Amino acid sequence: MKFRPYKSADAGIILSWVKDEDTFRKWVTDRYPNYPITAADMNEKYFVHNGDCPEPDNFFPMTACDETGLLGHMILRFTAPETIRFGFVIVDDTRRGRGYGKEMLQLALRFAFEILGARKVTLGVLEN
C-alpha cells in the first residue's frame, strides 16, 4: 500500500464507496450540509476552501492505493501546533475486513510524526 496526496480524480471513486446517507454522515459528520455530494463539491472543499481550515498548509487530504487502484482515503489536519487530527477515514466498501484501514492508519501515523513533525495525533470516532 502507498499513501499519497489526494488528487481531484480520486473524488468520484471515493464517493462511490458511500452508498447511503447514514454512511455519508458517519464519514463526514456535519462537514457537508447536504447529501449527496458530487466530486466537484469534494474538490471545492479540499482545494478551494482548504478543508475549511483557516490557516494555509495545515490540511492534508491523502489517498491509500496499491497496484489495483484506490483502497482508502482520509485527511490529516493540524488542530494545534504539533497536533494532527485524522478525519474522513474511509476504506473501499468492497475491500473492508482485510486490514487496509489499519495499514492506512499506520502509514498516516508515520506521515504525521516523521514528515509533518506532529508530537500528538487525535482521531474522532462515532459511537455507532
C-alpha atoms as a PDB file:
ATOM      1  CA  MET A   1       0.000   0.000   0.000  1.00  0.00           C
ATOM      2  CA  LYS A   2       1.125   3.524  -0.784  1.00  0.00           C
ATOM      3  CA  PHE A   3      -0.074   6.699   0.899  1.00  0.00           C
ATOM      4  CA  ARG A   4      -0.105   9.675  -1.435  1.00  0.00           C
ATOM      5  CA  PRO A   5      -1.635  13.138  -1.650  1.00  0.00           C
ATOM      6  CA  TYR A   6      -5.274  13.176  -2.764  1.00  0.00           C
ATOM      7  CA  LYS A   7      -5.894  14.037  -6.430  1.00  0.00           C
ATOM      8  CA  SER A   8      -9.058  15.600  -7.802  1.00  0.00           C
ATOM      9  CA  ALA A   9      -9.657  12.470  -9.907  1.00  0.00           C
ATOM     10  CA  ASP A  10      -9.934  10.438  -6.654  1.00  0.00           C
ATOM     11  CA  ALA A  11     -13.198  12.103  -5.630  1.00  0.00           C
ATOM     12  CA  GLY A  12     -15.564  10.110  -7.823  1.00  0.00           C
ATOM     13  CA  ILE A  13     -14.061   6.805  -6.723  1.00  0.00           C
ATOM     14  CA  ILE A  14     -14.116   7.726  -3.036  1.00  0.00           C
ATOM     15  CA  LEU A  15     -17.705   8.934  -3.249  1.00  0.00           C
ATOM     16  CA  SER A  16     -18.727   5.648  -4.882  1.00  0.00           C
ATOM     17  CA  TRP A  17     -17.897   3.928  -1.572  1.00  0.00           C
ATOM     18  CA  VAL A  18     -20.634   5.961   0.156  1.00  0.00           C
ATOM     19  CA  LYS A  19     -23.837   4.085  -0.646  1.00  0.00           C
ATOM     20  CA  ASP A  20     -26.352   5.907   1.573  1.00  0.00           C
ATOM     21  CA  GLU A  21     -26.842   8.957   3.765  1.00  0.00           C
ATOM     22  CA  ASP A  22     -26.147   7.069   7.010  1.00  0.00           C
ATOM     23  CA  THR A  23     -22.718   6.021   5.722  1.00  0.00           C
ATOM     24  CA  PHE A  24     -22.157   9.552   4.434  1.00  0.00           C
ATOM     25  CA  ARG A  25     -22.907  11.145   7.831  1.00  0.00           C
ATOM     26  CA  LYS A  26     -20.667   8.665   9.643  1.00  0.00           C
ATOM     27  CA  TRP A  27     -17.898   9.528   7.211  1.00  0.00           C
ATOM     28  CA  VAL A  28     -18.110  13.342   7.155  1.00  0.00           C
ATOM     29  CA  THR A  29     -20.294  14.110  10.213  1.00  0.00           C
ATOM     30  CA  ASP A  30     -21.514  17.672   9.670  1.00  0.00           C
ATOM     31  CA  ARG A  31     -18.779  18.911   7.327  1.00  0.00           C
ATOM     32  CA  TYR A  32     -21.121  18.822   4.325  1.00  0.00           C
ATOM     33  CA  PRO A  33     -24.653  20.107   4.921  1.00  0.00           C
ATOM     34  CA  ASN A  34     -26.275  18.265   2.014  1.00  0.00           C
ATOM     35  CA  TYR A  35     -26.348  14.677   0.826  1.00  0.00           C
ATOM     36  CA  PRO A  36     -25.347  13.512  -1.680  1.00  0.00           C
ATOM     37  CA  ILE A  37     -22.290  15.490  -2.689  1.00  0.00           C
ATOM     38  CA  THR A  38     -20.520  15.491  -6.018  1.00  0.00           C
ATOM     39  CA  ALA A  39     -16.864  15.125  -6.874  1.00  0.00           C
ATOM     40  CA  ALA A  40     -16.892  18.863  -7.596  1.00  0.00           C
ATOM     41  CA  ASP A  41     -18.219  19.536  -4.059  1.00  0.00           C
ATOM     42  CA  MET A  42     -15.450  17.446  -2.520  1.00  0.00           C
ATOM     43  CA  ASN A  43     -12.734  19.054  -4.634  1.00  0.00           C
ATOM     44  CA  GLU A  44     -14.015  22.546  -3.873  1.00  0.00           C
ATOM     45  CA  LYS A  45     -13.882  21.868  -0.119  1.00  0.00           C
ATOM     46  CA  TYR A  46     -10.385  20.439  -0.387  1.00  0.00           C
ATOM     47  CA  PHE A  47      -8.752  22.704  -2.944  1.00  0.00           C
ATOM     48  CA  VAL A  48     -10.690  25.971  -2.775  1.00  0.00           C
ATOM     49  CA  HIS A  49     -11.603  26.039   0.922  1.00  0.00           C
ATOM     50  CA  ASN A  50      -8.547  24.192   2.319  1.00  0.00           C
ATOM     51  CA  GLY A  51     -10.831  21.677   4.038  1.00  0.00           C
ATOM     52  CA  ASP A  52     -12.432  24.562   5.955  1.00  0.00           C
ATOM     53  CA  CYS A  53      -9.137  25.118   7.784  1.00  0.00           C
ATOM     54  CA  PRO A  54      -8.364  28.813   8.262  1.00  0.00           C
ATOM     55  CA  GLU A  55      -4.586  28.514   8.129  1.00  0.00           C
ATOM     56  CA  PRO A  56      -2.807  27.543   4.919  1.00  0.00           C
ATOM     57  CA  ASP A  57      -0.585  24.465   4.904  1.00  0.00           C
ATOM     58  CA  ASN A  58      -2.402  22.646   7.689  1.00  0.00           C
ATOM     59  CA  PHE A  59      -4.783  20.418   5.706  1.00  0.00           C
ATOM     60  CA  PHE A  60      -3.586  17.227   4.037  1.00  0.00           C
ATOM     61  CA  PRO A  61      -6.074  15.030   2.178  1.00  0.00           C
ATOM     62  CA  MET A  62      -4.477  11.664   1.445  1.00  0.00           C
ATOM     63  CA  THR A  63      -5.336   8.562  -0.548  1.00  0.00           C
ATOM     64  CA  ALA A  64      -4.210   4.991   0.019  1.00  0.00           C
ATOM     65  CA  CYS A  65      -3.691   2.862  -3.069  1.00  0.00           C
ATOM     66  CA  ASP A  66      -1.910  -0.131  -4.495  1.00  0.00           C
ATOM     67  CA  GLU A  67      -1.349  -1.507  -7.991  1.00  0.00           C
ATOM     68  CA  THR A  68      -5.075  -2.373  -8.236  1.00  0.00           C
ATOM     69  CA  GLY A  69      -6.300   1.154  -7.504  1.00  0.00           C
ATOM     70  CA  LEU A  70      -7.637   3.210  -4.616  1.00  0.00           C
ATOM     71  CA  LEU A  71      -8.107   1.481  -1.267  1.00  0.00           C
ATOM     72  CA  GLY A  72      -8.908   4.264   1.175  1.00  0.00           C
ATOM     73  CA  HIS A  73      -8.919   7.946   1.934  1.00  0.00           C
ATOM     74  CA  MET A  74      -8.504  10.237   4.916  1.00  0.00           C
ATOM     75  CA  ILE A  75      -7.477  13.726   5.876  1.00  0.00           C
ATOM     76  CA  LEU A  76      -4.859  14.961   8.287  1.00  0.00           C
ATOM     77  CA  ARG A  77      -5.082  18.475   9.660  1.00  0.00           C
ATOM     78  CA  PHE A  78      -3.327  20.469  12.293  1.00  0.00           C
ATOM     79  CA  THR A  79      -5.685  21.422  15.125  1.00  0.00           C
ATOM     80  CA  ALA A  80      -2.951  22.917  17.295  1.00  0.00           C
ATOM     81  CA  PRO A  81       0.788  23.302  16.929  1.00  0.00           C
ATOM     82  CA  GLU A  82       2.299  19.821  16.629  1.00  0.00           C
ATOM     83  CA  THR A  83      -1.143  18.155  16.900  1.00  0.00           C
ATOM     84  CA  ILE A  84      -2.649  16.334  13.914  1.00  0.00           C
ATOM     85  CA  ARG A  85      -6.238  15.138  13.757  1.00  0.00           C
ATOM     86  CA  PHE A  86      -7.270  12.301  11.478  1.00  0.00           C
ATOM     87  CA  GLY A  87     -10.652  12.580   9.811  1.00  0.00           C
ATOM     88  CA  PHE A  88     -12.811  11.498   6.869  1.00  0.00           C
ATOM     89  CA  VAL A  89     -11.383   7.982   7.194  1.00  0.00           C
ATOM     90  CA  ILE A  90     -12.948   5.603   4.682  1.00  0.00           C
ATOM     91  CA  VAL A  91     -11.973   2.321   3.014  1.00  0.00           C
ATOM     92  CA  ASP A  92     -13.331   0.964  -0.255  1.00  0.00           C
ATOM     93  CA  ASP A  93     -16.526  -0.809   0.845  1.00  0.00           C
ATOM     94  CA  THR A  94     -15.701  -3.849  -1.305  1.00  0.00           C
ATOM     95  CA  ARG A  95     -12.342  -4.286   0.449  1.00  0.00           C
ATOM     96  CA  ARG A  96     -13.300  -3.868   4.095  1.00  0.00           C
ATOM     97  CA  GLY A  97     -12.253  -6.502   6.592  1.00  0.00           C
ATOM     98  CA  ARG A  98      -8.848  -7.123   5.012  1.00  0.00           C
ATOM     99  CA  GLY A  99      -6.699  -4.862   7.204  1.00  0.00           C
ATOM    100  CA  TYR A 100      -6.489  -1.946   4.770  1.00  0.00           C
ATOM    101  CA  GLY A 101      -7.860   0.545   7.299  1.00  0.00           C
ATOM    102  CA  LYS A 102      -5.303  -0.487   9.902  1.00  0.00           C
ATOM    103  CA  GLU A 103      -2.470  -0.285   7.378  1.00  0.00           C
ATOM    104  CA  MET A 104      -3.671   3.112   6.167  1.00  0.00           C
ATOM    105  CA  LEU A 105      -3.758   4.463   9.721  1.00  0.00           C
ATOM    106  CA  GLN A 106      -0.244   3.114  10.366  1.00  0.00           C
ATOM    107  CA  LEU A 107       1.014   4.928   7.256  1.00  0.00           C
ATOM    108  CA  ALA A 108      -0.810   8.081   8.348  1.00  0.00           C
ATOM    109  CA  LEU A 109       0.835   7.919  11.776  1.00  0.00           C
ATOM    110  CA  ARG A 110       4.272   7.644  10.196  1.00  0.00           C
ATOM    111  CA  PHE A 111       3.461  10.555   7.875  1.00  0.00           C
ATOM    112  CA  ALA A 112       2.157  12.685  10.757  1.00  0.00           C
ATOM    113  CA  PHE A 113       5.141  12.085  13.019  1.00  0.00           C
ATOM    114  CA  GLU A 114       8.002  11.750  10.549  1.00  0.00           C
ATOM    115  CA  ILE A 115       7.012  14.138   7.760  1.00  0.00           C
ATOM    116  CA  LEU A 116       4.694  16.683   9.380  1.00  0.00           C
ATOM    117  CA  GLY A 117       6.518  16.755  12.718  1.00  0.00           C
ATOM    118  CA  ALA A 118       3.488  16.066  14.887  1.00  0.00           C
ATOM    119  CA  ARG A 119       4.012  15.219  18.538  1.00  0.00           C
ATOM    120  CA  LYS A 120       0.388  14.192  19.076  1.00  0.00           C
ATOM    121  CA  VAL A 121      -2.285  12.612  16.867  1.00  0.00           C
ATOM    122  CA  THR A 122      -6.003  12.508  17.599  1.00  0.00           C
ATOM    123  CA  LEU A 123      -8.867  10.657  15.955  1.00  0.00           C
ATOM    124  CA  GLY A 124     -12.537  11.329  16.451  1.00  0.00           C
ATOM    125  CA  VAL A 125     -14.876   8.371  16.151  1.00  0.00           C
ATOM    126  CA  LEU A 126     -18.620   7.974  16.360  1.00  0.00           C
ATOM    127  CA  GLU A 127     -20.079   5.687  18.985  1.00  0.00           C
ATOM    128  CA  ASN A 128     -22.034   3.740  16.373  1.00  0.00           C
END
